[in-house]
Amino acid sequence: MYPIPGSSTSAHSAPVPANAYEYDVGILAQQSVYVPGAMIDKRGGAGGKLAKGGKRTTVLRKGAGKVWEDQTLLEWNPSWFRLFVGDLSNDVSDDVLSNAFNKYPSFQKARVIRDRLSSKAKYGFVAFSDPEDFLKAWKEMDGKYVGNRPIKLKKADNAINPVEIGHRKAKQLEKELKKNRHKPY
């Protein structure tokens, strides 16, 4: 006897995982590599480069006379309240920082920023969705040991200004990145 499509009377039906859609999208993206031109569009071609006439959303950062793009800021919700975490020891990872702050109900995300060349932890950020938890964490956790050192907390700059850049600006930023790739700062 063959199962009828769409019926739920089958005893052999396996539960569908929660991330099944993400899995399918990932498989399609991998398979499209073998179809010429499948992934190339005006939002960023197959190699991550921006096609002529296309635009992409990013966050431009400026400092020390340089301009660079930081797409990791797009992962942070602008409505979150963020703390800057300074004086992190090298043994602190994203998980360790998350475990230190996940006792607050509105805790959303933690990220440790490491030096490009030495891979040593330099500083981090912690985000909360509720301002009261943000203030409570700031007051309670400032000076507490996370890893081997006491941390210093400050209010992070909440301004995340995403901009759309075109082909010419993307090419200029890519050239600047290649020029400064192996310089420490």
N, C-alpha and C. Protein backbone atom coordinates (compact mmCIF):
# COMPACT_ATOMS: atom_id res chain seq x y z
N MET A 1 0.84 -1.18 0.00
CA MET A 1 0.00 0.00 0.00
C MET A 1 0.89 1.24 0.00
N TYR A 2 0.58 2.15 -0.87
CA TYR A 2 1.36 3.37 -1.00
C TYR A 2 0.69 4.49 -0.22
N PRO A 3 1.50 5.36 0.41
CA PRO A 3 0.90 6.47 1.17
C PRO A 3 0.26 7.49 0.23
N ILE A 4 -0.79 8.08 0.71
CA ILE A 4 -1.49 9.11 -0.05
C ILE A 4 -0.82 10.44 0.27
N PRO A 5 -0.39 11.17 -0.75
CA PRO A 5 0.26 12.46 -0.48
C PRO A 5 -0.68 13.40 0.27
N GLY A 6 -0.15 14.04 1.29
CA GLY A 6 -0.94 14.99 2.07
C GLY A 6 -1.68 14.38 3.22
N SER A 7 -1.72 13.04 3.32
CA SER A 7 -2.43 12.43 4.45
C SER A 7 -1.47 12.26 5.61
N SER A 8 -2.00 12.33 6.82
CA SER A 8 -1.16 12.22 8.02
C SER A 8 -1.41 10.90 8.74
N THR A 9 -1.93 9.90 8.05
CA THR A 9 -2.23 8.62 8.69
C THR A 9 -1.05 7.67 8.68
N SER A 10 0.04 8.06 8.05
CA SER A 10 1.21 7.18 7.96
C SER A 10 1.88 7.06 9.32
N ALA A 11 2.21 5.83 9.71
CA ALA A 11 2.88 5.60 10.99
C ALA A 11 4.37 5.84 10.89
N HIS A 12 4.88 5.98 9.69
CA HIS A 12 6.32 6.14 9.50
C HIS A 12 6.74 7.58 9.27
N SER A 13 5.89 8.54 9.55
CA SER A 13 6.25 9.93 9.29
C SER A 13 7.20 10.43 10.37
N ALA A 14 8.29 11.00 9.93
CA ALA A 14 9.30 11.54 10.85
C ALA A 14 8.98 13.00 11.13
N PRO A 15 9.32 13.48 12.32
CA PRO A 15 9.08 14.89 12.61
C PRO A 15 9.98 15.77 11.74
N VAL A 16 9.46 16.89 11.31
CA VAL A 16 10.21 17.82 10.48
C VAL A 16 11.03 18.71 11.40
N PRO A 17 12.34 18.82 11.18
CA PRO A 17 13.15 19.67 12.05
C PRO A 17 12.76 21.14 11.90
N ALA A 18 13.02 21.92 12.95
CA ALA A 18 12.63 23.33 12.96
C ALA A 18 13.37 24.13 11.90
N ASN A 19 14.58 23.72 11.57
CA ASN A 19 15.36 24.48 10.60
C ASN A 19 15.31 23.86 9.21
N ALA A 20 14.27 23.16 8.88
CA ALA A 20 14.17 22.48 7.58
C ALA A 20 14.19 23.49 6.44
N TYR A 21 13.53 24.62 6.60
CA TYR A 21 13.52 25.62 5.54
C TYR A 21 14.92 26.16 5.30
N GLU A 22 15.66 26.47 6.39
CA GLU A 22 17.03 26.98 6.24
C GLU A 22 17.91 25.94 5.56
N TYR A 23 17.69 24.68 5.88
CA TYR A 23 18.47 23.60 5.27
C TYR A 23 18.20 23.55 3.77
N ASP A 24 16.92 23.64 3.39
CA ASP A 24 16.57 23.59 1.98
C ASP A 24 17.17 24.77 1.22
N VAL A 25 17.14 25.96 1.83
CA VAL A 25 17.71 27.14 1.19
C VAL A 25 19.21 26.96 1.02
N GLY A 26 19.87 26.39 2.04
CA GLY A 26 21.31 26.15 1.95
C GLY A 26 21.66 25.17 0.86
N ILE A 27 20.87 24.11 0.73
CA ILE A 27 21.11 23.12 -0.32
C ILE A 27 20.92 23.76 -1.69
N LEU A 28 19.87 24.56 -1.85
CA LEU A 28 19.64 25.22 -3.13
C LEU A 28 20.78 26.16 -3.49
N ALA A 29 21.31 26.87 -2.49
CA ALA A 29 22.43 27.78 -2.75
C ALA A 29 23.66 27.00 -3.19
N GLN A 30 23.89 25.85 -2.57
CA GLN A 30 25.04 25.04 -2.96
C GLN A 30 24.86 24.47 -4.37
N GLN A 31 23.64 24.02 -4.67
CA GLN A 31 23.40 23.42 -5.98
C GLN A 31 23.45 24.46 -7.09
N SER A 32 23.11 25.70 -6.77
CA SER A 32 23.08 26.72 -7.81
C SER A 32 24.47 27.08 -8.30
N VAL A 33 25.51 26.66 -7.59
CA VAL A 33 26.87 26.89 -8.04
C VAL A 33 27.11 26.18 -9.36
N TYR A 34 26.43 25.06 -9.55
CA TYR A 34 26.65 24.27 -10.75
C TYR A 34 25.79 24.73 -11.92
N VAL A 35 24.91 25.68 -11.70
CA VAL A 35 24.08 26.21 -12.78
C VAL A 35 24.65 27.57 -13.15
N PRO A 36 25.18 27.74 -14.35
CA PRO A 36 25.81 29.01 -14.72
C PRO A 36 24.84 30.17 -14.62
N GLY A 37 25.26 31.20 -13.89
CA GLY A 37 24.46 32.41 -13.78
C GLY A 37 23.32 32.34 -12.80
N ALA A 38 23.17 31.27 -12.05
CA ALA A 38 22.03 31.14 -11.15
C ALA A 38 22.12 32.09 -9.97
N MET A 39 23.32 32.28 -9.42
CA MET A 39 23.45 33.12 -8.24
C MET A 39 23.81 34.56 -8.59
N ILE A 40 24.11 34.84 -9.83
CA ILE A 40 24.54 36.19 -10.18
C ILE A 40 23.31 37.07 -10.36
N ASP A 41 23.27 38.12 -9.57
CA ASP A 41 22.21 39.10 -9.69
C ASP A 41 22.80 40.48 -9.40
N LYS A 42 21.97 41.49 -9.39
CA LYS A 42 22.47 42.84 -9.17
C LYS A 42 22.79 43.13 -7.71
N ARG A 43 22.46 42.26 -6.78
CA ARG A 43 22.75 42.50 -5.37
C ARG A 43 24.08 41.91 -4.95
N GLY A 44 24.80 41.30 -5.72
CA GLY A 44 26.13 40.86 -5.34
C GLY A 44 26.52 39.65 -6.09
N GLY A 45 27.10 39.36 -7.01
CA GLY A 45 27.28 38.17 -7.81
C GLY A 45 27.70 36.96 -7.04
N ALA A 46 28.09 35.96 -7.71
CA ALA A 46 28.43 34.69 -7.08
C ALA A 46 29.69 34.80 -6.24
N GLY A 47 30.63 35.66 -6.62
CA GLY A 47 31.88 35.79 -5.89
C GLY A 47 31.82 36.80 -4.77
N GLY A 48 30.66 37.36 -4.47
CA GLY A 48 30.56 38.35 -3.42
C GLY A 48 30.82 39.76 -3.93
N LYS A 49 31.18 39.89 -5.21
CA LYS A 49 31.43 41.21 -5.77
C LYS A 49 30.11 41.79 -6.26
N LEU A 50 30.05 43.09 -6.24
CA LEU A 50 28.83 43.78 -6.63
C LEU A 50 28.83 43.99 -8.14
N ALA A 51 27.75 43.58 -8.79
CA ALA A 51 27.64 43.76 -10.24
C ALA A 51 27.40 45.23 -10.55
N LYS A 52 27.77 45.63 -11.76
CA LYS A 52 27.58 47.03 -12.15
C LYS A 52 26.11 47.40 -12.09
N GLY A 53 25.83 48.56 -11.51
CA GLY A 53 24.46 49.02 -11.40
C GLY A 53 23.75 48.48 -10.18
N GLY A 54 24.34 47.56 -9.45
CA GLY A 54 23.71 46.97 -8.27
C GLY A 54 24.03 47.77 -7.01
N LYS A 55 23.30 47.48 -5.97
CA LYS A 55 23.52 48.13 -4.67
C LYS A 55 23.48 47.07 -3.59
N ARG A 56 24.19 47.32 -2.49
CA ARG A 56 24.12 46.43 -1.34
C ARG A 56 24.09 47.27 -0.08
N THR A 57 23.49 46.72 0.95
CA THR A 57 23.37 47.42 2.22
C THR A 57 24.53 47.03 3.11
N THR A 58 25.16 48.02 3.70
CA THR A 58 26.28 47.80 4.60
C THR A 58 26.35 48.95 5.60
N VAL A 59 27.28 48.87 6.53
CA VAL A 59 27.51 49.95 7.48
C VAL A 59 28.94 50.44 7.27
N LEU A 60 29.08 51.74 6.98
CA LEU A 60 30.40 52.32 6.78
C LEU A 60 30.91 52.86 8.11
N ARG A 61 32.15 52.55 8.42
CA ARG A 61 32.80 53.02 9.65
C ARG A 61 33.96 53.91 9.26
N LYS A 62 34.25 54.90 10.10
CA LYS A 62 35.35 55.83 9.84
C LYS A 62 36.18 55.97 11.10
N GLY A 63 37.49 56.04 10.92
CA GLY A 63 38.39 56.26 12.03
C GLY A 63 39.82 56.28 11.56
N ALA A 64 40.65 57.12 12.19
CA ALA A 64 42.07 57.23 11.87
C ALA A 64 42.29 57.52 10.39
N GLY A 65 41.41 58.33 9.81
CA GLY A 65 41.57 58.71 8.42
C GLY A 65 41.22 57.64 7.42
N LYS A 66 40.62 56.55 7.87
CA LYS A 66 40.27 55.45 6.98
C LYS A 66 38.77 55.22 7.00
N VAL A 67 38.25 54.65 5.93
CA VAL A 67 36.85 54.27 5.83
C VAL A 67 36.80 52.79 5.50
N TRP A 68 35.99 52.05 6.22
CA TRP A 68 35.84 50.62 5.95
C TRP A 68 34.40 50.23 6.19
N GLU A 69 34.03 49.06 5.69
CA GLU A 69 32.67 48.58 5.90
C GLU A 69 32.67 47.49 6.95
N ASP A 70 31.62 47.49 7.75
CA ASP A 70 31.49 46.51 8.82
C ASP A 70 30.09 45.91 8.73
N GLN A 71 29.99 44.78 8.02
CA GLN A 71 28.68 44.17 7.82
C GLN A 71 28.20 43.43 9.06
N THR A 72 29.07 43.20 10.04
CA THR A 72 28.64 42.51 11.26
C THR A 72 27.67 43.36 12.06
N LEU A 73 27.70 44.68 11.87
CA LEU A 73 26.77 45.54 12.60
C LEU A 73 25.33 45.35 12.13
N LEU A 74 25.14 44.81 10.94
CA LEU A 74 23.78 44.57 10.45
C LEU A 74 23.11 43.43 11.22
N GLU A 75 23.91 42.61 11.93
CA GLU A 75 23.35 41.51 12.72
C GLU A 75 22.73 42.01 14.02
N TRP A 76 23.06 43.22 14.43
CA TRP A 76 22.57 43.78 15.70
C TRP A 76 21.34 44.63 15.43
N ASN A 77 20.28 44.37 16.17
CA ASN A 77 19.05 45.14 16.04
C ASN A 77 19.29 46.54 16.60
N PRO A 78 18.96 47.60 15.85
CA PRO A 78 19.18 48.96 16.35
C PRO A 78 18.37 49.30 17.60
N SER A 79 17.31 48.56 17.88
CA SER A 79 16.51 48.86 19.07
C SER A 79 17.09 48.22 20.34
N TRP A 80 18.10 47.38 20.21
CA TRP A 80 18.73 46.77 21.37
C TRP A 80 19.59 47.80 22.10
N PHE A 81 19.75 47.60 23.40
CA PHE A 81 20.61 48.43 24.22
C PHE A 81 21.93 47.69 24.40
N ARG A 82 23.03 48.30 23.98
CA ARG A 82 24.31 47.60 23.95
C ARG A 82 25.29 48.14 24.97
N LEU A 83 26.05 47.22 25.57
CA LEU A 83 27.14 47.55 26.48
C LEU A 83 28.46 47.20 25.82
N PHE A 84 29.43 48.09 25.97
CA PHE A 84 30.80 47.82 25.56
C PHE A 84 31.48 47.12 26.73
N VAL A 85 32.14 46.00 26.47
CA VAL A 85 32.82 45.23 27.52
C VAL A 85 34.32 45.33 27.26
N GLY A 86 35.03 46.02 28.15
CA GLY A 86 36.46 46.21 27.99
C GLY A 86 37.27 45.32 28.91
N ASP A 87 38.57 45.25 28.67
CA ASP A 87 39.53 44.48 29.47
C ASP A 87 39.20 42.99 29.50
N LEU A 88 38.87 42.42 28.37
CA LEU A 88 38.60 40.98 28.32
C LEU A 88 39.91 40.20 28.30
N SER A 89 39.93 39.09 29.00
CA SER A 89 41.11 38.22 28.95
C SER A 89 41.02 37.33 27.72
N ASN A 90 42.14 36.72 27.36
CA ASN A 90 42.21 35.93 26.13
C ASN A 90 41.38 34.66 26.17
N ASP A 91 41.04 34.17 27.35
CA ASP A 91 40.27 32.93 27.43
C ASP A 91 38.77 33.16 27.27
N VAL A 92 38.35 34.40 27.12
CA VAL A 92 36.92 34.71 26.98
C VAL A 92 36.51 34.55 25.52
N SER A 93 35.46 33.77 25.31
CA SER A 93 34.89 33.57 23.97
C SER A 93 33.46 34.13 23.97
N ASP A 94 32.80 34.04 22.83
CA ASP A 94 31.41 34.48 22.74
C ASP A 94 30.54 33.72 23.74
N ASP A 95 30.78 32.41 23.86
CA ASP A 95 29.98 31.59 24.78
C ASP A 95 30.21 31.97 26.24
N VAL A 96 31.45 32.22 26.62
CA VAL A 96 31.76 32.60 28.00
C VAL A 96 31.10 33.93 28.33
N LEU A 97 31.18 34.88 27.41
CA LEU A 97 30.56 36.19 27.63
C LEU A 97 29.04 36.06 27.69
N SER A 98 28.47 35.22 26.83
CA SER A 98 27.02 34.99 26.86
C SER A 98 26.59 34.37 28.18
N ASN A 99 27.35 33.39 28.66
CA ASN A 99 27.00 32.74 29.93
C ASN A 99 27.09 33.69 31.11
N ALA A 100 27.96 34.69 31.03
CA ALA A 100 28.07 35.66 32.12
C ALA A 100 26.86 36.58 32.18
N PHE A 101 26.23 36.84 31.03
CA PHE A 101 25.12 37.80 30.99
C PHE A 101 23.75 37.17 30.74
N ASN A 102 23.67 35.87 30.52
CA ASN A 102 22.36 35.29 30.18
C ASN A 102 21.43 35.14 31.38
N LYS A 103 21.86 35.56 32.56
CA LYS A 103 20.95 35.54 33.71
C LYS A 103 19.94 36.68 33.64
N TYR A 104 20.16 37.63 32.75
CA TYR A 104 19.21 38.72 32.56
C TYR A 104 18.21 38.31 31.48
N PRO A 105 16.91 38.41 31.77
CA PRO A 105 15.89 37.87 30.85
C PRO A 105 15.91 38.47 29.44
N SER A 106 16.26 39.73 29.31
CA SER A 106 16.21 40.35 27.98
C SER A 106 17.55 40.30 27.25
N PHE A 107 18.48 39.49 27.74
CA PHE A 107 19.78 39.34 27.07
C PHE A 107 19.54 38.80 25.66
N GLN A 108 20.19 39.41 24.67
CA GLN A 108 19.98 39.02 23.27
C GLN A 108 21.22 38.40 22.62
N LYS A 109 22.38 39.04 22.80
CA LYS A 109 23.54 38.60 22.04
C LYS A 109 24.82 39.10 22.69
N ALA A 110 25.90 38.34 22.53
CA ALA A 110 27.22 38.76 22.99
C ALA A 110 28.23 38.44 21.89
N ARG A 111 29.20 39.31 21.73
CA ARG A 111 30.23 39.11 20.70
C ARG A 111 31.56 39.60 21.24
N VAL A 112 32.59 38.77 21.09
CA VAL A 112 33.96 39.13 21.47
C VAL A 112 34.71 39.52 20.21
N ILE A 113 35.37 40.67 20.25
CA ILE A 113 36.16 41.16 19.13
C ILE A 113 37.63 40.84 19.40
N ARG A 114 38.26 40.19 18.44
CA ARG A 114 39.66 39.78 18.60
C ARG A 114 40.56 40.54 17.64
N ASP A 115 41.83 40.63 18.00
CA ASP A 115 42.84 41.25 17.16
C ASP A 115 43.01 40.42 15.90
N ARG A 116 43.12 41.07 14.75
CA ARG A 116 43.23 40.35 13.47
C ARG A 116 44.48 39.49 13.39
N LEU A 117 45.59 39.99 13.89
CA LEU A 117 46.86 39.27 13.72
C LEU A 117 47.14 38.29 14.85
N SER A 118 46.93 38.71 16.09
CA SER A 118 47.30 37.84 17.22
C SER A 118 46.15 36.98 17.72
N SER A 119 44.94 37.25 17.30
CA SER A 119 43.73 36.54 17.74
C SER A 119 43.49 36.64 19.24
N LYS A 120 44.04 37.67 19.87
CA LYS A 120 43.80 37.89 21.29
C LYS A 120 42.51 38.68 21.45
N ALA A 121 41.78 38.36 22.51
CA ALA A 121 40.53 39.07 22.79
C ALA A 121 40.87 40.50 23.18
N LYS A 122 40.16 41.46 22.61
CA LYS A 122 40.40 42.86 22.93
C LYS A 122 39.24 43.45 23.73
N TYR A 123 38.04 43.30 23.18
CA TYR A 123 36.85 43.85 23.82
C TYR A 123 35.64 43.09 23.31
N GLY A 124 34.47 43.46 23.79
CA GLY A 124 33.26 42.78 23.36
C GLY A 124 32.04 43.67 23.48
N PHE A 125 30.91 43.15 23.05
CA PHE A 125 29.64 43.85 23.14
C PHE A 125 28.57 42.88 23.63
N VAL A 126 27.64 43.41 24.41
CA VAL A 126 26.52 42.64 24.93
C VAL A 126 25.26 43.45 24.66
N ALA A 127 24.18 42.80 24.21
CA ALA A 127 22.95 43.50 23.85
C ALA A 127 21.78 42.99 24.68
N PHE A 128 20.89 43.94 25.03
CA PHE A 128 19.68 43.65 25.79
C PHE A 128 18.51 44.31 25.08
N SER A 129 17.33 43.70 25.18
CA SER A 129 16.15 44.29 24.56
C SER A 129 15.39 45.20 25.53
N ASP A 130 15.63 45.05 26.83
CA ASP A 130 14.94 45.85 27.84
C ASP A 130 15.91 46.82 28.50
N PRO A 131 15.58 48.12 28.57
CA PRO A 131 16.51 49.08 29.16
C PRO A 131 16.77 48.85 30.65
N GLU A 132 15.79 48.28 31.35
CA GLU A 132 16.00 48.04 32.79
C GLU A 132 17.02 46.93 33.01
N ASP A 133 16.96 45.86 32.22
CA ASP A 133 17.98 44.81 32.31
C ASP A 133 19.35 45.35 31.90
N PHE A 134 19.36 46.21 30.90
CA PHE A 134 20.60 46.84 30.45
C PHE A 134 21.26 47.60 31.60
N LEU A 135 20.49 48.43 32.30
CA LEU A 135 21.03 49.21 33.42
C LEU A 135 21.41 48.32 34.60
N LYS A 136 20.60 47.31 34.85
CA LYS A 136 20.88 46.38 35.96
C LYS A 136 22.17 45.61 35.69
N ALA A 137 22.35 45.14 34.48
CA ALA A 137 23.57 44.41 34.12
C ALA A 137 24.78 45.33 34.20
N TRP A 138 24.64 46.56 33.77
CA TRP A 138 25.73 47.53 33.82
C TRP A 138 26.17 47.75 35.26
N LYS A 139 25.19 47.91 36.13
CA LYS A 139 25.48 48.18 37.54
C LYS A 139 26.07 46.95 38.24
N GLU A 140 25.50 45.78 38.01
CA GLU A 140 25.92 44.57 38.72
C GLU A 140 27.20 43.96 38.18
N MET A 141 27.42 44.01 36.87
CA MET A 141 28.53 43.28 36.26
C MET A 141 29.80 44.10 36.09
N ASP A 142 29.73 45.42 36.25
CA ASP A 142 30.92 46.25 36.10
C ASP A 142 31.93 45.91 37.19
N GLY A 143 33.11 45.49 36.80
CA GLY A 143 34.16 45.11 37.75
C GLY A 143 34.15 43.65 38.15
N LYS A 144 33.16 42.88 37.69
CA LYS A 144 33.11 41.44 38.00
C LYS A 144 34.08 40.68 37.10
N TYR A 145 34.55 39.56 37.60
CA TYR A 145 35.47 38.73 36.82
C TYR A 145 34.71 37.91 35.78
N VAL A 146 35.13 38.03 34.54
CA VAL A 146 34.68 37.17 33.46
C VAL A 146 35.96 36.63 32.85
N GLY A 147 36.20 35.35 33.03
CA GLY A 147 37.50 34.80 32.66
C GLY A 147 38.49 35.11 33.76
N ASN A 148 39.66 35.62 33.38
CA ASN A 148 40.72 35.88 34.35
C ASN A 148 40.83 37.33 34.80
N ARG A 149 39.99 38.21 34.27
CA ARG A 149 40.11 39.64 34.59
C ARG A 149 38.76 40.24 34.92
N PRO A 150 38.77 41.31 35.71
CA PRO A 150 37.52 42.06 35.91
C PRO A 150 37.23 42.89 34.65
N ILE A 151 35.98 42.93 34.26
CA ILE A 151 35.60 43.64 33.04
C ILE A 151 35.18 45.06 33.37
N LYS A 152 35.31 45.94 32.38
CA LYS A 152 34.86 47.32 32.50
C LYS A 152 33.73 47.52 31.50
N LEU A 153 32.61 48.01 31.97
CA LEU A 153 31.44 48.19 31.10
C LEU A 153 31.19 49.67 30.84
N LYS A 154 30.84 49.98 29.61
CA LYS A 154 30.45 51.33 29.20
C LYS A 154 29.27 51.20 28.24
N LYS A 155 28.51 52.27 28.12
CA LYS A 155 27.40 52.28 27.16
C LYS A 155 27.99 52.37 25.76
N ALA A 156 27.59 51.45 24.91
CA ALA A 156 28.09 51.44 23.52
C ALA A 156 27.30 52.44 22.69
N ASP A 157 27.92 52.91 21.64
CA ASP A 157 27.26 53.80 20.69
C ASP A 157 26.19 53.01 19.96
N ASN A 158 24.93 53.42 20.09
CA ASN A 158 23.83 52.66 19.51
C ASN A 158 23.54 53.02 18.06
N ALA A 159 24.27 53.99 17.52
CA ALA A 159 23.98 54.43 16.16
C ALA A 159 24.49 53.42 15.14
N ILE A 160 23.57 52.72 14.52
CA ILE A 160 23.89 51.83 13.40
C ILE A 160 23.18 52.42 12.19
N ASN A 161 23.96 52.98 11.29
CA ASN A 161 23.39 53.64 10.13
C ASN A 161 23.67 52.85 8.86
N PRO A 162 22.78 51.93 8.50
CA PRO A 162 23.01 51.18 7.26
C PRO A 162 22.83 52.09 6.04
N VAL A 163 23.72 51.91 5.08
CA VAL A 163 23.65 52.68 3.84
C VAL A 163 23.71 51.70 2.67
N GLU A 164 23.22 52.15 1.54
CA GLU A 164 23.33 51.34 0.33
C GLU A 164 24.47 51.90 -0.49
N ILE A 165 25.41 51.04 -0.84
CA ILE A 165 26.54 51.48 -1.65
C ILE A 165 26.43 50.84 -3.02
N GLY A 166 26.93 51.56 -4.00
CA GLY A 166 26.90 51.07 -5.37
C GLY A 166 28.19 50.38 -5.75
N HIS A 167 28.30 50.07 -7.01
CA HIS A 167 29.44 49.33 -7.55
C HIS A 167 30.75 50.08 -7.34
N ARG A 168 30.76 51.38 -7.61
CA ARG A 168 32.00 52.16 -7.54
C ARG A 168 32.53 52.23 -6.10
N LYS A 169 31.67 52.50 -5.13
CA LYS A 169 32.09 52.59 -3.73
C LYS A 169 32.53 51.22 -3.21
N ALA A 170 31.84 50.16 -3.61
CA ALA A 170 32.21 48.81 -3.19
C ALA A 170 33.60 48.45 -3.71
N LYS A 171 33.88 48.83 -4.95
CA LYS A 171 35.19 48.55 -5.55
C LYS A 171 36.28 49.33 -4.82
N GLN A 172 35.99 50.57 -4.46
CA GLN A 172 36.96 51.40 -3.74
C GLN A 172 37.24 50.83 -2.35
N LEU A 173 36.21 50.38 -1.64
CA LEU A 173 36.40 49.78 -0.31
C LEU A 173 37.18 48.48 -0.40
N GLU A 174 36.92 47.70 -1.43
CA GLU A 174 37.63 46.43 -1.62
C GLU A 174 39.12 46.68 -1.88
N LYS A 175 39.42 47.71 -2.66
CA LYS A 175 40.80 48.07 -2.96
C LYS A 175 41.51 48.52 -1.68
N GLU A 176 40.84 49.31 -0.86
CA GLU A 176 41.41 49.78 0.41
C GLU A 176 41.65 48.61 1.36
N LEU A 177 40.74 47.65 1.38
CA LEU A 177 40.90 46.47 2.23
C LEU A 177 42.12 45.66 1.82
N LYS A 178 42.31 45.46 0.53
CA LYS A 178 43.47 44.72 0.04
C LYS A 178 44.77 45.44 0.39
N LYS A 179 44.75 46.77 0.31
CA LYS A 179 45.95 47.55 0.58
C LYS A 179 46.36 47.45 2.05
N ASN A 180 45.40 47.37 2.96
CA ASN A 180 45.68 47.35 4.40
C ASN A 180 45.54 45.98 5.02
N ARG A 181 45.49 44.93 4.23
CA ARG A 181 45.18 43.60 4.74
C ARG A 181 46.16 43.12 5.81
N HIS A 182 47.44 43.27 5.62
CA HIS A 182 48.41 42.68 6.54
C HIS A 182 49.03 43.70 7.48
N LYS A 183 48.47 44.90 7.54
CA LYS A 183 48.97 45.89 8.49
C LYS A 183 48.22 45.73 9.80
N PRO A 184 48.91 45.87 10.92
CA PRO A 184 48.23 45.61 12.20
C PRO A 184 47.13 46.60 12.52
N TYR A 185 47.28 47.88 12.15
CA TYR A 185 46.25 48.86 12.51
C TYR A 185 46.10 49.91 11.46
